[in-house]
PDB file of N, CA and C in Angstrom:
ATOM      1  N   MET A   1     208.308  12.909  61.974  1.00  0.00           N
ATOM      2  CA  MET A   1     207.997  13.476  63.266  1.00  0.00           C
ATOM      3  C   MET A   1     207.115  12.499  64.025  1.00  0.00           C
ATOM      4  N   PHE A   2     207.394  12.331  65.312  1.00  0.00           N
ATOM      5  CA  PHE A   2     206.666  11.388  66.152  1.00  0.00           C
ATOM      6  C   PHE A   2     205.742  12.159  67.089  1.00  0.00           C
ATOM      7  N   ALA A   3     204.476  11.788  67.091  1.00  0.00           N
ATOM      8  CA  ALA A   3     203.509  12.421  67.999  1.00  0.00           C
ATOM      9  C   ALA A   3     203.029  11.387  69.003  1.00  0.00           C
ATOM     10  N   PHE A   4     203.050  11.751  70.261  1.00  0.00           N
ATOM     11  CA  PHE A   4     202.593  10.850  71.317  1.00  0.00           C
ATOM     12  C   PHE A   4     201.422  11.510  72.019  1.00  0.00           C
ATOM     13  N   PHE A   5     200.304  10.821  72.020  1.00  0.00           N
ATOM     14  CA  PHE A   5     199.112  11.358  72.650  1.00  0.00           C
ATOM     15  C   PHE A   5     198.903  10.690  73.995  1.00  0.00           C
ATOM     16  N   CYS A   6     198.538  11.474  74.959  1.00  0.00           N
ATOM     17  CA  CYS A   6     198.351  10.982  76.311  1.00  0.00           C
ATOM     18  C   CYS A   6     196.902  11.230  76.724  1.00  0.00           C
ATOM     19  N   ARG A   7     196.290  10.210  77.255  1.00  0.00           N
ATOM     20  CA  ARG A   7     194.919  10.306  77.716  1.00  0.00           C
ATOM     21  C   ARG A   7     194.921  10.820  79.154  1.00  0.00           C
ATOM     22  N   CYS A   8     194.022  11.719  79.460  1.00  0.00           N
ATOM     23  CA  CYS A   8     193.880  12.245  80.818  1.00  0.00           C
ATOM     24  C   CYS A   8     192.765  11.469  81.511  1.00  0.00           C
ATOM     25  N   PHE A   9     193.117  10.808  82.609  1.00  0.00           N
ATOM     26  CA  PHE A   9     192.151  10.023  83.374  1.00  0.00           C
ATOM     27  C   PHE A   9     191.786  10.817  84.615  1.00  0.00           C
ATOM     28  N   GLU A  10     190.505  11.142  84.757  1.00  0.00           N
ATOM     29  CA  GLU A  10     190.036  11.911  85.907  1.00  0.00           C
ATOM     30  C   GLU A  10     188.800  11.234  86.481  1.00  0.00           C
ATOM     31  N   LEU A  11     188.679  11.280  87.792  1.00  0.00           N
ATOM     32  CA  LEU A  11     187.538  10.664  88.461  1.00  0.00           C
ATOM     33  C   LEU A  11     186.264  11.431  88.146  1.00  0.00           C
ATOM     34  N   GLU A  12     185.181  10.690  87.970  1.00  0.00           N
ATOM     35  CA  GLU A  12     183.872  11.296  87.785  1.00  0.00           C
ATOM     36  C   GLU A  12     183.055  10.996  89.031  1.00  0.00           C
ATOM     37  N   LEU A  13     182.999  11.959  89.923  1.00  0.00           N
ATOM     38  CA  LEU A  13     182.319  11.754  91.198  1.00  0.00           C
ATOM     39  C   LEU A  13     180.809  11.827  91.039  1.00  0.00           C
ATOM     40  N   THR A  14     180.133  10.940  91.749  1.00  0.00           N
ATOM     41  CA  THR A  14     178.678  10.951  91.818  1.00  0.00           C
ATOM     42  C   THR A  14     178.286  11.078  93.288  1.00  0.00           C
ATOM     43  N   SER A  15     177.025  11.189  93.540  1.00  0.00           N
ATOM     44  CA  SER A  15     176.565  11.365  94.923  1.00  0.00           C
ATOM     45  C   SER A  15     176.852  10.139  95.794  1.00  0.00           C
ATOM     46  N   ASN A  16     176.934   8.969  95.194  1.00  0.00           N
ATOM     47  CA  ASN A  16     177.202   7.755  95.972  1.00  0.00           C
ATOM     48  C   ASN A  16     178.611   7.209  95.725  1.00  0.00           C
ATOM     49  N   TYR A  17     179.543   8.060  95.302  1.00  0.00           N
ATOM     50  CA  TYR A  17     180.927   7.655  95.047  1.00  0.00           C
ATOM     51  C   TYR A  17     181.588   7.319  96.379  1.00  0.00           C
ATOM     52  N   ASN A  18     182.196   6.128  96.451  1.00  0.00           N
ATOM     53  CA  ASN A  18     182.814   5.687  97.703  1.00  0.00           C
ATOM     54  C   ASN A  18     184.168   5.047  97.420  1.00  0.00           C
ATOM     55  N   HIS A  19     184.744   4.433  98.436  1.00  0.00           N
ATOM     56  CA  HIS A  19     186.073   3.838  98.304  1.00  0.00           C
ATOM     57  C   HIS A  19     186.083   2.709  97.277  1.00  0.00           C
ATOM     58  N   ASN A  20     185.054   1.897  97.244  1.00  0.00           N
ATOM     59  CA  ASN A  20     184.976   0.823  96.240  1.00  0.00           C
ATOM     60  C   ASN A  20     184.913   1.384  94.825  1.00  0.00           C
ATOM     61  N   SER A  21     184.189   2.471  94.642  1.00  0.00           N
ATOM     62  CA  SER A  21     184.132   3.126  93.331  1.00  0.00           C
ATOM     63  C   SER A  21     185.505   3.642  92.946  1.00  0.00           C
ATOM     64  N   PHE A  22     186.223   4.200  93.911  1.00  0.00           N
ATOM     65  CA  PHE A  22     187.573   4.698  93.671  1.00  0.00           C
ATOM     66  C   PHE A  22     188.499   3.566  93.240  1.00  0.00           C
ATOM     67  N   LEU A  23     188.437   2.442  93.945  1.00  0.00           N
ATOM     68  CA  LEU A  23     189.286   1.297  93.603  1.00  0.00           C
ATOM     69  C   LEU A  23     188.949   0.753  92.218  1.00  0.00           C
ATOM     70  N   ASP A  24     187.670   0.743  91.847  1.00  0.00           N
ATOM     71  CA  ASP A  24     187.274   0.325  90.497  1.00  0.00           C
ATOM     72  C   ASP A  24     187.875   1.258  89.444  1.00  0.00           C
ATOM     73  N   ASP A  25     187.862   2.558  89.720  1.00  0.00           N
ATOM     74  CA  ASP A  25     188.453   3.519  88.781  1.00  0.00           C
ATOM     75  C   ASP A  25     189.961   3.324  88.662  1.00  0.00           C
ATOM     76  N   VAL A  26     190.628   3.054  89.788  1.00  0.00           N
ATOM     77  CA  VAL A  26     192.076   2.822  89.753  1.00  0.00           C
ATOM     78  C   VAL A  26     192.383   1.560  88.961  1.00  0.00           C
ATOM     79  N   ARG A  27     191.577   0.518  89.121  1.00  0.00           N
ATOM     80  CA  ARG A  27     191.762  -0.713  88.333  1.00  0.00           C
ATOM     81  C   ARG A  27     191.624  -0.416  86.840  1.00  0.00           C
ATOM     82  N   ARG A  28     190.620   0.379  86.495  1.00  0.00           N
ATOM     83  CA  ARG A  28     190.401   0.742  85.094  1.00  0.00           C
ATOM     84  C   ARG A  28     191.578   1.569  84.559  1.00  0.00           C
ATOM     85  N   LEU A  29     192.081   2.475  85.391  1.00  0.00           N
ATOM     86  CA  LEU A  29     193.255   3.268  85.027  1.00  0.00           C
ATOM     87  C   LEU A  29     194.447   2.368  84.753  1.00  0.00           C
ATOM     88  N   TYR A  30     194.722   1.422  85.657  1.00  0.00           N
ATOM     89  CA  TYR A  30     195.841   0.498  85.487  1.00  0.00           C
ATOM     90  C   TYR A  30     195.667  -0.365  84.241  1.00  0.00           C
ATOM     91  N   PHE A  31     194.446  -0.825  83.979  1.00  0.00           N
ATOM     92  CA  PHE A  31     194.187  -1.659  82.803  1.00  0.00           C
ATOM     93  C   PHE A  31     194.463  -0.878  81.521  1.00  0.00           C
ATOM     94  N   ASN A  32     193.950   0.354  81.454  1.00  0.00           N
ATOM     95  CA  ASN A  32     194.152   1.167  80.250  1.00  0.00           C
ATOM     96  C   ASN A  32     195.625   1.480  80.029  1.00  0.00           C
ATOM     97  N   ALA A  33     196.331   1.794  81.108  1.00  0.00           N
ATOM     98  CA  ALA A  33     197.746   2.147  80.982  1.00  0.00           C
ATOM     99  C   ALA A  33     198.615   0.920  80.725  1.00  0.00           C
ATOM    100  N   GLY A  34     198.269  -0.214  81.337  1.00  0.00           N
ATOM    101  CA  GLY A  34     199.101  -1.408  81.222  1.00  0.00           C
ATOM    102  C   GLY A  34     198.713  -2.335  80.095  1.00  0.00           C
ATOM    103  N   ALA A  35     197.546  -2.913  80.173  1.00  0.00           N
ATOM    104  CA  ALA A  35     197.114  -3.913  79.198  1.00  0.00           C
ATOM    105  C   ALA A  35     196.871  -3.290  77.818  1.00  0.00           C
ATOM    106  N   ARG A  36     196.319  -2.112  77.791  1.00  0.00           N
ATOM    107  CA  ARG A  36     196.063  -1.443  76.503  1.00  0.00           C
ATOM    108  C   ARG A  36     197.229  -0.577  76.050  1.00  0.00           C
ATOM    109  N   ASN A  37     198.218  -0.399  76.921  1.00  0.00           N
ATOM    110  CA  ASN A  37     199.429   0.362  76.612  1.00  0.00           C
ATOM    111  C   ASN A  37     199.114   1.784  76.151  1.00  0.00           C
ATOM    112  N   GLU A  38     198.152   2.421  76.818  1.00  0.00           N
ATOM    113  CA  GLU A  38     197.774   3.792  76.494  1.00  0.00           C
ATOM    114  C   GLU A  38     198.574   4.758  77.357  1.00  0.00           C
ATOM    115  N   GLY A  39     199.129   5.774  76.754  1.00  0.00           N
ATOM    116  CA  GLY A  39     199.752   6.839  77.530  1.00  0.00           C
ATOM    117  C   GLY A  39     198.681   7.500  78.375  1.00  0.00           C
ATOM    118  N   THR A  40     198.882   7.556  79.672  1.00  0.00           N
ATOM    119  CA  THR A  40     197.822   8.004  80.564  1.00  0.00           C
ATOM    120  C   THR A  40     198.366   8.924  81.645  1.00  0.00           C
ATOM    121  N   THR A  41     197.653  10.010  81.884  1.00  0.00           N
ATOM    122  CA  THR A  41     197.930  10.902  83.000  1.00  0.00           C
ATOM    123  C   THR A  41     196.758  10.815  83.954  1.00  0.00           C
ATOM    124  N   PHE A  42     197.048  10.605  85.228  1.00  0.00           N
ATOM    125  CA  PHE A  42     196.006  10.526  86.258  1.00  0.00           C
ATOM    126  C   PHE A  42     195.915  11.887  86.926  1.00  0.00           C
ATOM    127  N   LEU A  43     194.785  12.542  86.767  1.00  0.00           N
ATOM    128  CA  LEU A  43     194.563  13.868  87.321  1.00  0.00           C
ATOM    129  C   LEU A  43     193.621  13.749  88.508  1.00  0.00           C
ATOM    130  N   LEU A  44     194.109  14.149  89.684  1.00  0.00           N
ATOM    131  CA  LEU A  44     193.318  14.071  90.913  1.00  0.00           C
ATOM    132  C   LEU A  44     193.446  15.390  91.647  1.00  0.00           C
ATOM    133  N   THR A  45     192.336  16.043  91.894  1.00  0.00           N
ATOM    134  CA  THR A  45     192.344  17.306  92.625  1.00  0.00           C
ATOM    135  C   THR A  45     191.920  17.079  94.068  1.00  0.00           C
ATOM    136  N   ASP A  46     192.186  18.050  94.915  1.00  0.00           N
ATOM    137  CA  ASP A  46     191.852  17.916  96.333  1.00  0.00           C
ATOM    138  C   ASP A  46     190.348  17.796  96.560  1.00  0.00           C
ATOM    139  N   THR A  47     189.540  18.366  95.689  1.00  0.00           N
ATOM    140  CA  THR A  47     188.087  18.278  95.856  1.00  0.00           C
ATOM    141  C   THR A  47     187.550  16.888  95.514  1.00  0.00           C
ATOM    142  N   GLN A  48     188.358  16.079  94.818  1.00  0.00           N
ATOM    143  CA  GLN A  48     187.929  14.729  94.459  1.00  0.00           C
ATOM    144  C   GLN A  48     188.260  13.712  95.547  1.00  0.00           C
ATOM    145  N   ILE A  49     188.946  14.122  96.574  1.00  0.00           N
ATOM    146  CA  ILE A  49     189.275  13.224  97.680  1.00  0.00           C
ATOM    147  C   ILE A  49     188.133  13.319  98.693  1.00  0.00           C
ATOM    148  N   VAL A  50     187.143  12.466  98.511  1.00  0.00           N
ATOM    149  CA  VAL A  50     185.947  12.520  99.350  1.00  0.00           C
ATOM    150  C   VAL A  50     186.034  11.598 100.556  1.00  0.00           C
ATOM    151  N   GLN A  51     187.000  10.694 100.548  1.00  0.00           N
ATOM    152  CA  GLN A  51     187.243   9.825 101.698  1.00  0.00           C
ATOM    153  C   GLN A  51     188.741   9.770 101.959  1.00  0.00           C
ATOM    154  N   GLU A  52     189.108   9.725 103.218  1.00  0.00           N
ATOM    155  CA  GLU A  52     190.514   9.754 103.596  1.00  0.00           C
ATOM    156  C   GLU A  52     191.297   8.555 103.051  1.00  0.00           C
ATOM    157  N   GLU A  53     190.624   7.447 102.818  1.00  0.00           N
ATOM    158  CA  GLU A  53     191.281   6.253 102.300  1.00  0.00           C
ATOM    159  C   GLU A  53     191.912   6.496 100.923  1.00  0.00           C
ATOM    160  N   PHE A  54     191.356   7.439 100.163  1.00  0.00           N
ATOM    161  CA  PHE A  54     191.898   7.756  98.842  1.00  0.00           C
ATOM    162  C   PHE A  54     193.354   8.194  98.958  1.00  0.00           C
ATOM    163  N   ILE A  55     193.649   9.008  99.972  1.00  0.00           N
ATOM    164  CA  ILE A  55     195.006   9.528 100.156  1.00  0.00           C
ATOM    165  C   ILE A  55     195.982   8.397 100.418  1.00  0.00           C
ATOM    166  N   GLU A  56     195.585   7.449 101.259  1.00  0.00           N
ATOM    167  CA  GLU A  56     196.460   6.310 101.559  1.00  0.00           C
ATOM    168  C   GLU A  56     196.709   5.477 100.311  1.00  0.00           C
ATOM    169  N   ASP A  57     195.670   5.244  99.520  1.00  0.00           N
ATOM    170  CA  ASP A  57     195.828   4.467  98.286  1.00  0.00           C
ATOM    171  C   ASP A  57     196.752   5.172  97.296  1.00  0.00           C
ATOM    172  N   ILE A  58     196.580   6.470  97.124  1.00  0.00           N
ATOM    173  CA  ILE A  58     197.432   7.229  96.213  1.00  0.00           C
ATOM    174  C   ILE A  58     198.865   7.216  96.710  1.00  0.00           C
ATOM    175  N   SER A  59     199.053   7.348  98.022  1.00  0.00           N
ATOM    176  CA  SER A  59     200.391   7.297  98.602  1.00  0.00           C
ATOM    177  C   SER A  59     201.048   5.944  98.329  1.00  0.00           C
ATOM    178  N   ASN A  60     200.292   4.852  98.456  1.00  0.00           N
ATOM    179  CA  ASN A  60     200.831   3.519  98.178  1.00  0.00           C
ATOM    180  C   ASN A  60     201.203   3.368  96.708  1.00  0.00           C
ATOM    181  N   ILE A  61     200.415   3.929  95.826  1.00  0.00           N
ATOM    182  CA  ILE A  61     200.726   3.865  94.392  1.00  0.00           C
ATOM    183  C   ILE A  61     202.024   4.610  94.118  1.00  0.00           C
ATOM    184  N   LEU A  62     202.158   5.800  94.683  1.00  0.00           N
ATOM    185  CA  LEU A  62     203.361   6.600  94.454  1.00  0.00           C
ATOM    186  C   LEU A  62     204.603   5.942  95.065  1.00  0.00           C
ATOM    187  N   ASN A  63     204.448   5.337  96.239  1.00  0.00           N
ATOM    188  CA  ASN A  63     205.586   4.699  96.898  1.00  0.00           C
ATOM    189  C   ASN A  63     206.031   3.421  96.206  1.00  0.00           C
ATOM    190  N   SER A  64     205.083   2.703  95.631  1.00  0.00           N
ATOM    191  CA  SER A  64     205.427   1.430  94.976  1.00  0.00           C
ATOM    192  C   SER A  64     205.981   1.656  93.576  1.00  0.00           C
ATOM    193  N   GLY A  65     205.620   2.766  92.969  1.00  0.00           N
ATOM    194  CA  GLY A  65     206.069   3.036  91.610  1.00  0.00           C
ATOM    195  C   GLY A  65     205.339   2.239  90.566  1.00  0.00           C
ATOM    196  N   LYS A  66     204.226   1.633  90.913  1.00  0.00           N
ATOM    197  CA  LYS A  66     203.454   0.819  89.967  1.00  0.00           C
ATOM    198  C   LYS A  66     202.154   1.494  89.624  1.00  0.00           C
TER     199      LYS A  66
END
């Protein structure tokens, strides 16, 4: 029997969380999923979108398929 475990990646917001912090988290997500070959689920809720730029970045990720 084969078991596949998937890591859930979720943003940890702080009081000074900004667009640069978001991009750093996305880089870390990509590194873990790609370079480390970890099964990863990215969980993002509407309350975690603290700046409008997050939506554009997520849209670009979904459109590019990368």
